[in-house]
Amino acid sequence: MLGRMQIVSDPVRYKILKLVKNGELAAGQIAKNFPDITRPAVSQHLRVLKEHGLLWERRDGTKRLYRLRRKGLYEVYKFLEAF
């Protein structure tokens, strides 16, 4: 679980989770919220979140769309609830 906690505590990944909490966004839409980092860097953060079960990814043609995977975040919540 510590791995997921570290993932969520990263400021960029935390902001990505906040951006997609209310619905699906394209990778380009997400990247526009981070003018100080490159699109490949944003893509790397998206990949990490997806690999650790915190995001769903759906392809629509050439677009990659992301949305929050609430079950993954719930597991982090349950871990923290113990404290």
PDB file of N, CA and C in Angstrom:
ATOM      1  N   MET A   1       0.822  -1.203   0.000  1.00  0.00           N
ATOM      2  CA  MET A   1       0.000   0.000   0.000  1.00  0.00           C
ATOM      3  C   MET A   1       0.856   1.253   0.000  1.00  0.00           C
ATOM      4  N   LEU A   2       2.024   1.175   0.601  1.00  0.00           N
ATOM      5  CA  LEU A   2       2.876   2.357   0.655  1.00  0.00           C
ATOM      6  C   LEU A   2       3.141   2.889  -0.742  1.00  0.00           C
ATOM      7  N   GLY A   3       3.286   2.007  -1.731  1.00  0.00           N
ATOM      8  CA  GLY A   3       3.511   2.448  -3.098  1.00  0.00           C
ATOM      9  C   GLY A   3       2.386   3.348  -3.590  1.00  0.00           C
ATOM     10  N   ARG A   4       1.150   2.968  -3.353  1.00  0.00           N
ATOM     11  CA  ARG A   4       0.017   3.789  -3.786  1.00  0.00           C
ATOM     12  C   ARG A   4      -0.016   5.112  -3.042  1.00  0.00           C
ATOM     13  N   MET A   5       0.357   5.092  -1.773  1.00  0.00           N
ATOM     14  CA  MET A   5       0.379   6.335  -1.001  1.00  0.00           C
ATOM     15  C   MET A   5       1.387   7.305  -1.602  1.00  0.00           C
ATOM     16  N   GLN A   6       2.558   6.807  -1.957  1.00  0.00           N
ATOM     17  CA  GLN A   6       3.574   7.654  -2.576  1.00  0.00           C
ATOM     18  C   GLN A   6       3.088   8.186  -3.914  1.00  0.00           C
ATOM     19  N   ILE A   7       2.383   7.376  -4.653  1.00  0.00           N
ATOM     20  CA  ILE A   7       1.871   7.779  -5.956  1.00  0.00           C
ATOM     21  C   ILE A   7       0.868   8.914  -5.795  1.00  0.00           C
ATOM     22  N   VAL A   8      -0.045   8.794  -4.869  1.00  0.00           N
ATOM     23  CA  VAL A   8      -1.078   9.801  -4.656  1.00  0.00           C
ATOM     24  C   VAL A   8      -0.493  11.084  -4.073  1.00  0.00           C
ATOM     25  N   SER A   9       0.579  10.978  -3.321  1.00  0.00           N
ATOM     26  CA  SER A   9       1.151  12.160  -2.678  1.00  0.00           C
ATOM     27  C   SER A   9       1.950  13.044  -3.635  1.00  0.00           C
ATOM     28  N   ASP A  10       2.281  12.553  -4.829  1.00  0.00           N
ATOM     29  CA  ASP A  10       2.979  13.376  -5.811  1.00  0.00           C
ATOM     30  C   ASP A  10       2.035  14.496  -6.253  1.00  0.00           C
ATOM     31  N   PRO A  11       2.486  15.774  -6.232  1.00  0.00           N
ATOM     32  CA  PRO A  11       1.579  16.885  -6.549  1.00  0.00           C
ATOM     33  C   PRO A  11       0.970  16.827  -7.954  1.00  0.00           C
ATOM     34  N   VAL A  12       1.716  16.400  -8.942  1.00  0.00           N
ATOM     35  CA  VAL A  12       1.187  16.318 -10.302  1.00  0.00           C
ATOM     36  C   VAL A  12       0.129  15.227 -10.379  1.00  0.00           C
ATOM     37  N   ARG A  13       0.426  14.055  -9.839  1.00  0.00           N
ATOM     38  CA  ARG A  13      -0.540  12.960  -9.893  1.00  0.00           C
ATOM     39  C   ARG A  13      -1.781  13.267  -9.066  1.00  0.00           C
ATOM     40  N   TYR A  14      -1.599  13.939  -7.940  1.00  0.00           N
ATOM     41  CA  TYR A  14      -2.737  14.340  -7.114  1.00  0.00           C
ATOM     42  C   TYR A  14      -3.658  15.262  -7.912  1.00  0.00           C
ATOM     43  N   LYS A  15      -3.068  16.228  -8.616  1.00  0.00           N
ATOM     44  CA  LYS A  15      -3.870  17.156  -9.416  1.00  0.00           C
ATOM     45  C   LYS A  15      -4.573  16.424 -10.561  1.00  0.00           C
ATOM     46  N   ILE A  16      -3.902  15.461 -11.170  1.00  0.00           N
ATOM     47  CA  ILE A  16      -4.543  14.668 -12.230  1.00  0.00           C
ATOM     48  C   ILE A  16      -5.773  13.955 -11.680  1.00  0.00           C
ATOM     49  N   LEU A  17      -5.641  13.356 -10.509  1.00  0.00           N
ATOM     50  CA  LEU A  17      -6.785  12.660  -9.902  1.00  0.00           C
ATOM     51  C   LEU A  17      -7.936  13.629  -9.646  1.00  0.00           C
ATOM     52  N   LYS A  18      -7.613  14.835  -9.186  1.00  0.00           N
ATOM     53  CA  LYS A  18      -8.654  15.838  -8.961  1.00  0.00           C
ATOM     54  C   LYS A  18      -9.321  16.242 -10.272  1.00  0.00           C
ATOM     55  N   LEU A  19      -8.545  16.342 -11.335  1.00  0.00           N
ATOM     56  CA  LEU A  19      -9.101  16.741 -12.636  1.00  0.00           C
ATOM     57  C   LEU A  19     -10.098  15.720 -13.178  1.00  0.00           C
ATOM     58  N   VAL A  20      -9.827  14.447 -12.973  1.00  0.00           N
ATOM     59  CA  VAL A  20     -10.680  13.405 -13.551  1.00  0.00           C
ATOM     60  C   VAL A  20     -11.730  12.863 -12.582  1.00  0.00           C
ATOM     61  N   LYS A  21     -11.816  13.450 -11.403  1.00  0.00           N
ATOM     62  CA  LYS A  21     -12.747  12.899 -10.411  1.00  0.00           C
ATOM     63  C   LYS A  21     -14.207  13.019 -10.828  1.00  0.00           C
ATOM     64  N   ASN A  22     -14.532  14.000 -11.657  1.00  0.00           N
ATOM     65  CA  ASN A  22     -15.931  14.196 -12.053  1.00  0.00           C
ATOM     66  C   ASN A  22     -16.262  13.699 -13.443  1.00  0.00           C
ATOM     67  N   GLY A  23     -15.287  13.114 -14.115  1.00  0.00           N
ATOM     68  CA  GLY A  23     -15.575  12.604 -15.446  1.00  0.00           C
ATOM     69  C   GLY A  23     -14.320  12.386 -16.265  1.00  0.00           C
ATOM     70  N   GLU A  24     -14.548  11.883 -17.433  1.00  0.00           N
ATOM     71  CA  GLU A  24     -13.486  11.490 -18.341  1.00  0.00           C
ATOM     72  C   GLU A  24     -12.861  12.709 -19.031  1.00  0.00           C
ATOM     73  N   LEU A  25     -11.534  12.698 -19.138  1.00  0.00           N
ATOM     74  CA  LEU A  25     -10.804  13.742 -19.857  1.00  0.00           C
ATOM     75  C   LEU A  25      -9.782  13.109 -20.780  1.00  0.00           C
ATOM     76  N   ALA A  26      -9.556  13.758 -21.916  1.00  0.00           N
ATOM     77  CA  ALA A  26      -8.516  13.310 -22.845  1.00  0.00           C
ATOM     78  C   ALA A  26      -7.153  13.694 -22.276  1.00  0.00           C
ATOM     79  N   ALA A  27      -6.138  12.943 -22.670  1.00  0.00           N
ATOM     80  CA  ALA A  27      -4.782  13.208 -22.203  1.00  0.00           C
ATOM     81  C   ALA A  27      -4.362  14.645 -22.515  1.00  0.00           C
ATOM     82  N   GLY A  28      -4.724  15.139 -23.691  1.00  0.00           N
ATOM     83  CA  GLY A  28      -4.390  16.515 -24.060  1.00  0.00           C
ATOM     84  C   GLY A  28      -5.047  17.548 -23.162  1.00  0.00           C
ATOM     85  N   GLN A  29      -6.291  17.288 -22.770  1.00  0.00           N
ATOM     86  CA  GLN A  29      -6.995  18.193 -21.854  1.00  0.00           C
ATOM     87  C   GLN A  29      -6.305  18.215 -20.498  1.00  0.00           C
ATOM     88  N   ILE A  30      -5.859  17.052 -20.052  1.00  0.00           N
ATOM     89  CA  ILE A  30      -5.157  16.967 -18.767  1.00  0.00           C
ATOM     90  C   ILE A  30      -3.835  17.718 -18.864  1.00  0.00           C
ATOM     91  N   ALA A  31      -3.098  17.494 -19.939  1.00  0.00           N
ATOM     92  CA  ALA A  31      -1.780  18.108 -20.113  1.00  0.00           C
ATOM     93  C   ALA A  31      -1.850  19.635 -20.124  1.00  0.00           C
ATOM     94  N   LYS A  32      -2.945  20.203 -20.633  1.00  0.00           N
ATOM     95  CA  LYS A  32      -3.088  21.659 -20.676  1.00  0.00           C
ATOM     96  C   LYS A  32      -3.074  22.283 -19.281  1.00  0.00           C
ATOM     97  N   ASN A  33      -3.351  21.496 -18.260  1.00  0.00           N
ATOM     98  CA  ASN A  33      -3.344  21.990 -16.889  1.00  0.00           C
ATOM     99  C   ASN A  33      -1.955  22.024 -16.275  1.00  0.00           C
ATOM    100  N   PHE A  34      -0.956  21.601 -17.038  1.00  0.00           N
ATOM    101  CA  PHE A  34       0.424  21.543 -16.551  1.00  0.00           C
ATOM    102  C   PHE A  34       1.361  22.221 -17.545  1.00  0.00           C
ATOM    103  N   PRO A  35       1.278  23.544 -17.658  1.00  0.00           N
ATOM    104  CA  PRO A  35       2.097  24.235 -18.663  1.00  0.00           C
ATOM    105  C   PRO A  35       3.598  24.163 -18.397  1.00  0.00           C
ATOM    106  N   ASP A  36       3.983  23.850 -17.179  1.00  0.00           N
ATOM    107  CA  ASP A  36       5.408  23.824 -16.824  1.00  0.00           C
ATOM    108  C   ASP A  36       6.080  22.479 -17.030  1.00  0.00           C
ATOM    109  N   ILE A  37       5.316  21.463 -17.444  1.00  0.00           N
ATOM    110  CA  ILE A  37       5.937  20.165 -17.710  1.00  0.00           C
ATOM    111  C   ILE A  37       5.545  19.690 -19.109  1.00  0.00           C
ATOM    112  N   THR A  38       6.363  18.840 -19.663  1.00  0.00           N
ATOM    113  CA  THR A  38       6.139  18.381 -21.033  1.00  0.00           C
ATOM    114  C   THR A  38       4.983  17.383 -21.106  1.00  0.00           C
ATOM    115  N   ARG A  39       4.419  17.252 -22.289  1.00  0.00           N
ATOM    116  CA  ARG A  39       3.352  16.252 -22.484  1.00  0.00           C
ATOM    117  C   ARG A  39       3.844  14.831 -22.227  1.00  0.00           C
ATOM    118  N   PRO A  40       5.080  14.493 -22.661  1.00  0.00           N
ATOM    119  CA  PRO A  40       5.569  13.149 -22.321  1.00  0.00           C
ATOM    120  C   PRO A  40       5.657  12.919 -20.804  1.00  0.00           C
ATOM    121  N   ALA A  41       5.986  13.960 -20.056  1.00  0.00           N
ATOM    122  CA  ALA A  41       6.044  13.815 -18.593  1.00  0.00           C
ATOM    123  C   ALA A  41       4.645  13.586 -18.028  1.00  0.00           C
ATOM    124  N   VAL A  42       3.656  14.311 -18.554  1.00  0.00           N
ATOM    125  CA  VAL A  42       2.273  14.102 -18.112  1.00  0.00           C
ATOM    126  C   VAL A  42       1.834  12.685 -18.470  1.00  0.00           C
ATOM    127  N   SER A  43       2.186  12.232 -19.661  1.00  0.00           N
ATOM    128  CA  SER A  43       1.845  10.869 -20.083  1.00  0.00           C
ATOM    129  C   SER A  43       2.453   9.832 -19.140  1.00  0.00           C
ATOM    130  N   GLN A  44       3.650  10.083 -18.683  1.00  0.00           N
ATOM    131  CA  GLN A  44       4.305   9.170 -17.733  1.00  0.00           C
ATOM    132  C   GLN A  44       3.513   9.118 -16.427  1.00  0.00           C
ATOM    133  N   HIS A  45       3.071  10.266 -15.935  1.00  0.00           N
ATOM    134  CA  HIS A  45       2.260  10.296 -14.707  1.00  0.00           C
ATOM    135  C   HIS A  45       0.947   9.540 -14.916  1.00  0.00           C
ATOM    136  N   LEU A  46       0.322   9.723 -16.074  1.00  0.00           N
ATOM    137  CA  LEU A  46      -0.917   8.999 -16.370  1.00  0.00           C
ATOM    138  C   LEU A  46      -0.680   7.493 -16.388  1.00  0.00           C
ATOM    139  N   ARG A  47       0.430   7.084 -16.968  1.00  0.00           N
ATOM    140  CA  ARG A  47       0.756   5.660 -17.032  1.00  0.00           C
ATOM    141  C   ARG A  47       0.925   5.080 -15.631  1.00  0.00           C
ATOM    142  N   VAL A  48       1.633   5.801 -14.767  1.00  0.00           N
ATOM    143  CA  VAL A  48       1.854   5.334 -13.395  1.00  0.00           C
ATOM    144  C   VAL A  48       0.517   5.193 -12.669  1.00  0.00           C
ATOM    145  N   LEU A  49      -0.344   6.192 -12.799  1.00  0.00           N
ATOM    146  CA  LEU A  49      -1.653   6.124 -12.142  1.00  0.00           C
ATOM    147  C   LEU A  49      -2.480   4.950 -12.668  1.00  0.00           C
ATOM    148  N   LYS A  50      -2.418   4.727 -13.960  1.00  0.00           N
ATOM    149  CA  LYS A  50      -3.162   3.609 -14.564  1.00  0.00           C
ATOM    150  C   LYS A  50      -2.601   2.265 -14.094  1.00  0.00           C
ATOM    151  N   GLU A  51      -1.282   2.136 -14.098  1.00  0.00           N
ATOM    152  CA  GLU A  51      -0.656   0.870 -13.706  1.00  0.00           C
ATOM    153  C   GLU A  51      -0.921   0.513 -12.249  1.00  0.00           C
ATOM    154  N   HIS A  52      -1.156   1.519 -11.421  1.00  0.00           N
ATOM    155  CA  HIS A  52      -1.419   1.259 -10.006  1.00  0.00           C
ATOM    156  C   HIS A  52      -2.908   1.257  -9.671  1.00  0.00           C
ATOM    157  N   GLY A  53      -3.742   1.168 -10.708  1.00  0.00           N
ATOM    158  CA  GLY A  53      -5.165   0.986 -10.493  1.00  0.00           C
ATOM    159  C   GLY A  53      -5.933   2.207 -10.056  1.00  0.00           C
ATOM    160  N   LEU A  54      -5.402   3.406 -10.316  1.00  0.00           N
ATOM    161  CA  LEU A  54      -6.092   4.615  -9.899  1.00  0.00           C
ATOM    162  C   LEU A  54      -6.820   5.317 -11.048  1.00  0.00           C
ATOM    163  N   LEU A  55      -6.521   4.938 -12.277  1.00  0.00           N
ATOM    164  CA  LEU A  55      -7.189   5.495 -13.445  1.00  0.00           C
ATOM    165  C   LEU A  55      -7.632   4.391 -14.385  1.00  0.00           C
ATOM    166  N   TRP A  56      -8.737   4.652 -15.085  1.00  0.00           N
ATOM    167  CA  TRP A  56      -9.161   3.840 -16.220  1.00  0.00           C
ATOM    168  C   TRP A  56      -8.714   4.569 -17.475  1.00  0.00           C
ATOM    169  N   GLU A  57      -8.330   3.814 -18.485  1.00  0.00           N
ATOM    170  CA  GLU A  57      -7.989   4.409 -19.772  1.00  0.00           C
ATOM    171  C   GLU A  57      -8.881   3.798 -20.843  1.00  0.00           C
ATOM    172  N   ARG A  58      -9.392   4.661 -21.721  1.00  0.00           N
ATOM    173  CA  ARG A  58     -10.216   4.207 -22.841  1.00  0.00           C
ATOM    174  C   ARG A  58      -9.705   4.917 -24.080  1.00  0.00           C
ATOM    175  N   ARG A  59      -9.594   4.164 -25.157  1.00  0.00           N
ATOM    176  CA  ARG A  59      -9.157   4.759 -26.420  1.00  0.00           C
ATOM    177  C   ARG A  59     -10.362   5.029 -27.301  1.00  0.00           C
ATOM    178  N   ASP A  60     -10.316   6.201 -27.916  1.00  0.00           N
ATOM    179  CA  ASP A  60     -11.349   6.606 -28.864  1.00  0.00           C
ATOM    180  C   ASP A  60     -10.614   7.146 -30.084  1.00  0.00           C
ATOM    181  N   GLY A  61     -10.396   6.275 -31.067  1.00  0.00           N
ATOM    182  CA  GLY A  61      -9.558   6.648 -32.208  1.00  0.00           C
ATOM    183  C   GLY A  61      -8.133   6.849 -31.742  1.00  0.00           C
ATOM    184  N   THR A  62      -7.606   8.035 -31.960  1.00  0.00           N
ATOM    185  CA  THR A  62      -6.234   8.319 -31.522  1.00  0.00           C
ATOM    186  C   THR A  62      -6.186   8.934 -30.128  1.00  0.00           C
ATOM    187  N   LYS A  63      -7.344   9.242 -29.567  1.00  0.00           N
ATOM    188  CA  LYS A  63      -7.391   9.847 -28.230  1.00  0.00           C
ATOM    189  C   LYS A  63      -7.309   8.786 -27.142  1.00  0.00           C
ATOM    190  N   ARG A  64      -6.677   9.175 -26.051  1.00  0.00           N
ATOM    191  CA  ARG A  64      -6.707   8.366 -24.837  1.00  0.00           C
ATOM    192  C   ARG A  64      -7.484   9.153 -23.802  1.00  0.00           C
ATOM    193  N   LEU A  65      -8.527   8.535 -23.305  1.00  0.00           N
ATOM    194  CA  LEU A  65      -9.405   9.187 -22.333  1.00  0.00           C
ATOM    195  C   LEU A  65      -9.212   8.533 -20.968  1.00  0.00           C
ATOM    196  N   TYR A  66      -9.169   9.359 -19.936  1.00  0.00           N
ATOM    197  CA  TYR A  66      -8.908   8.865 -18.594  1.00  0.00           C
ATOM    198  C   TYR A  66     -10.027   9.279 -17.652  1.00  0.00           C
ATOM    199  N   ARG A  67     -10.311   8.381 -16.701  1.00  0.00           N
ATOM    200  CA  ARG A  67     -11.258   8.696 -15.632  1.00  0.00           C
ATOM    201  C   ARG A  67     -10.798   8.006 -14.360  1.00  0.00           C
ATOM    202  N   LEU A  68     -11.270   8.510 -13.251  1.00  0.00           N
ATOM    203  CA  LEU A  68     -10.884   7.999 -11.947  1.00  0.00           C
ATOM    204  C   LEU A  68     -11.394   6.573 -11.755  1.00  0.00           C
ATOM    205  N   ARG A  69     -10.554   5.737 -11.236  1.00  0.00           N
ATOM    206  CA  ARG A  69     -10.961   4.384 -10.840  1.00  0.00           C
ATOM    207  C   ARG A  69     -11.179   4.426  -9.329  1.00  0.00           C
ATOM    208  N   ARG A  70     -12.407   4.644  -8.951  1.00  0.00           N
ATOM    209  CA  ARG A  70     -12.727   4.893  -7.535  1.00  0.00           C
ATOM    210  C   ARG A  70     -12.323   3.742  -6.621  1.00  0.00           C
ATOM    211  N   LYS A  71     -12.384   2.522  -7.110  1.00  0.00           N
ATOM    212  CA  LYS A  71     -11.999   1.381  -6.270  1.00  0.00           C
ATOM    213  C   LYS A  71     -10.535   1.497  -5.848  1.00  0.00           C
ATOM    214  N   GLY A  72      -9.676   1.903  -6.753  1.00  0.00           N
ATOM    215  CA  GLY A  72      -8.265   2.071  -6.408  1.00  0.00           C
ATOM    216  C   GLY A  72      -8.058   3.145  -5.355  1.00  0.00           C
ATOM    217  N   LEU A  73      -8.794   4.229  -5.468  1.00  0.00           N
ATOM    218  CA  LEU A  73      -8.689   5.304  -4.495  1.00  0.00           C
ATOM    219  C   LEU A  73      -9.311   4.892  -3.165  1.00  0.00           C
ATOM    220  N   TYR A  74     -10.355   4.090  -3.219  1.00  0.00           N
ATOM    221  CA  TYR A  74     -10.997   3.601  -1.997  1.00  0.00           C
ATOM    222  C   TYR A  74     -10.020   2.766  -1.173  1.00  0.00           C
ATOM    223  N   GLU A  75      -9.178   2.003  -1.841  1.00  0.00           N
ATOM    224  CA  GLU A  75      -8.183   1.196  -1.131  1.00  0.00           C
ATOM    225  C   GLU A  75      -7.200   2.090  -0.376  1.00  0.00           C
ATOM    226  N   VAL A  76      -6.833   3.214  -0.956  1.00  0.00           N
ATOM    227  CA  VAL A  76      -5.966   4.182  -0.265  1.00  0.00           C
ATOM    228  C   VAL A  76      -6.710   4.754   0.935  1.00  0.00           C
ATOM    229  N   TYR A  77      -7.982   5.111   0.740  1.00  0.00           N
ATOM    230  CA  TYR A  77      -8.810   5.643   1.820  1.00  0.00           C
ATOM    231  C   TYR A  77      -8.907   4.652   2.987  1.00  0.00           C
ATOM    232  N   LYS A  78      -9.152   3.391   2.681  1.00  0.00           N
ATOM    233  CA  LYS A  78      -9.276   2.378   3.735  1.00  0.00           C
ATOM    234  C   LYS A  78      -7.970   2.234   4.511  1.00  0.00           C
ATOM    235  N   PHE A  79      -6.852   2.332   3.814  1.00  0.00           N
ATOM    236  CA  PHE A  79      -5.571   2.263   4.486  1.00  0.00           C
ATOM    237  C   PHE A  79      -5.419   3.434   5.453  1.00  0.00           C
ATOM    238  N   LEU A  80      -5.763   4.634   5.018  1.00  0.00           N
ATOM    239  CA  LEU A  80      -5.629   5.815   5.858  1.00  0.00           C
ATOM    240  C   LEU A  80      -6.625   5.828   7.009  1.00  0.00           C
ATOM    241  N   GLU A  81      -7.784   5.242   6.783  1.00  0.00           N
ATOM    242  CA  GLU A  81      -8.828   5.229   7.805  1.00  0.00           C
ATOM    243  C   GLU A  81      -8.339   4.554   9.084  1.00  0.00           C
ATOM    244  N   ALA A  82      -7.419   3.633   8.973  1.00  0.00           N
ATOM    245  CA  ALA A  82      -6.895   2.936  10.141  1.00  0.00           C
ATOM    246  C   ALA A  82      -6.160   3.882  11.089  1.00  0.00           C
ATOM    247  N   PHE A  83      -5.767   5.042  10.573  1.00  0.00           N
ATOM    248  CA  PHE A  83      -5.029   5.990  11.406  1.00  0.00           C
ATOM    249  C   PHE A  83      -5.938   7.073  11.945  1.00  0.00           C
TER     250      PHE A  83
END
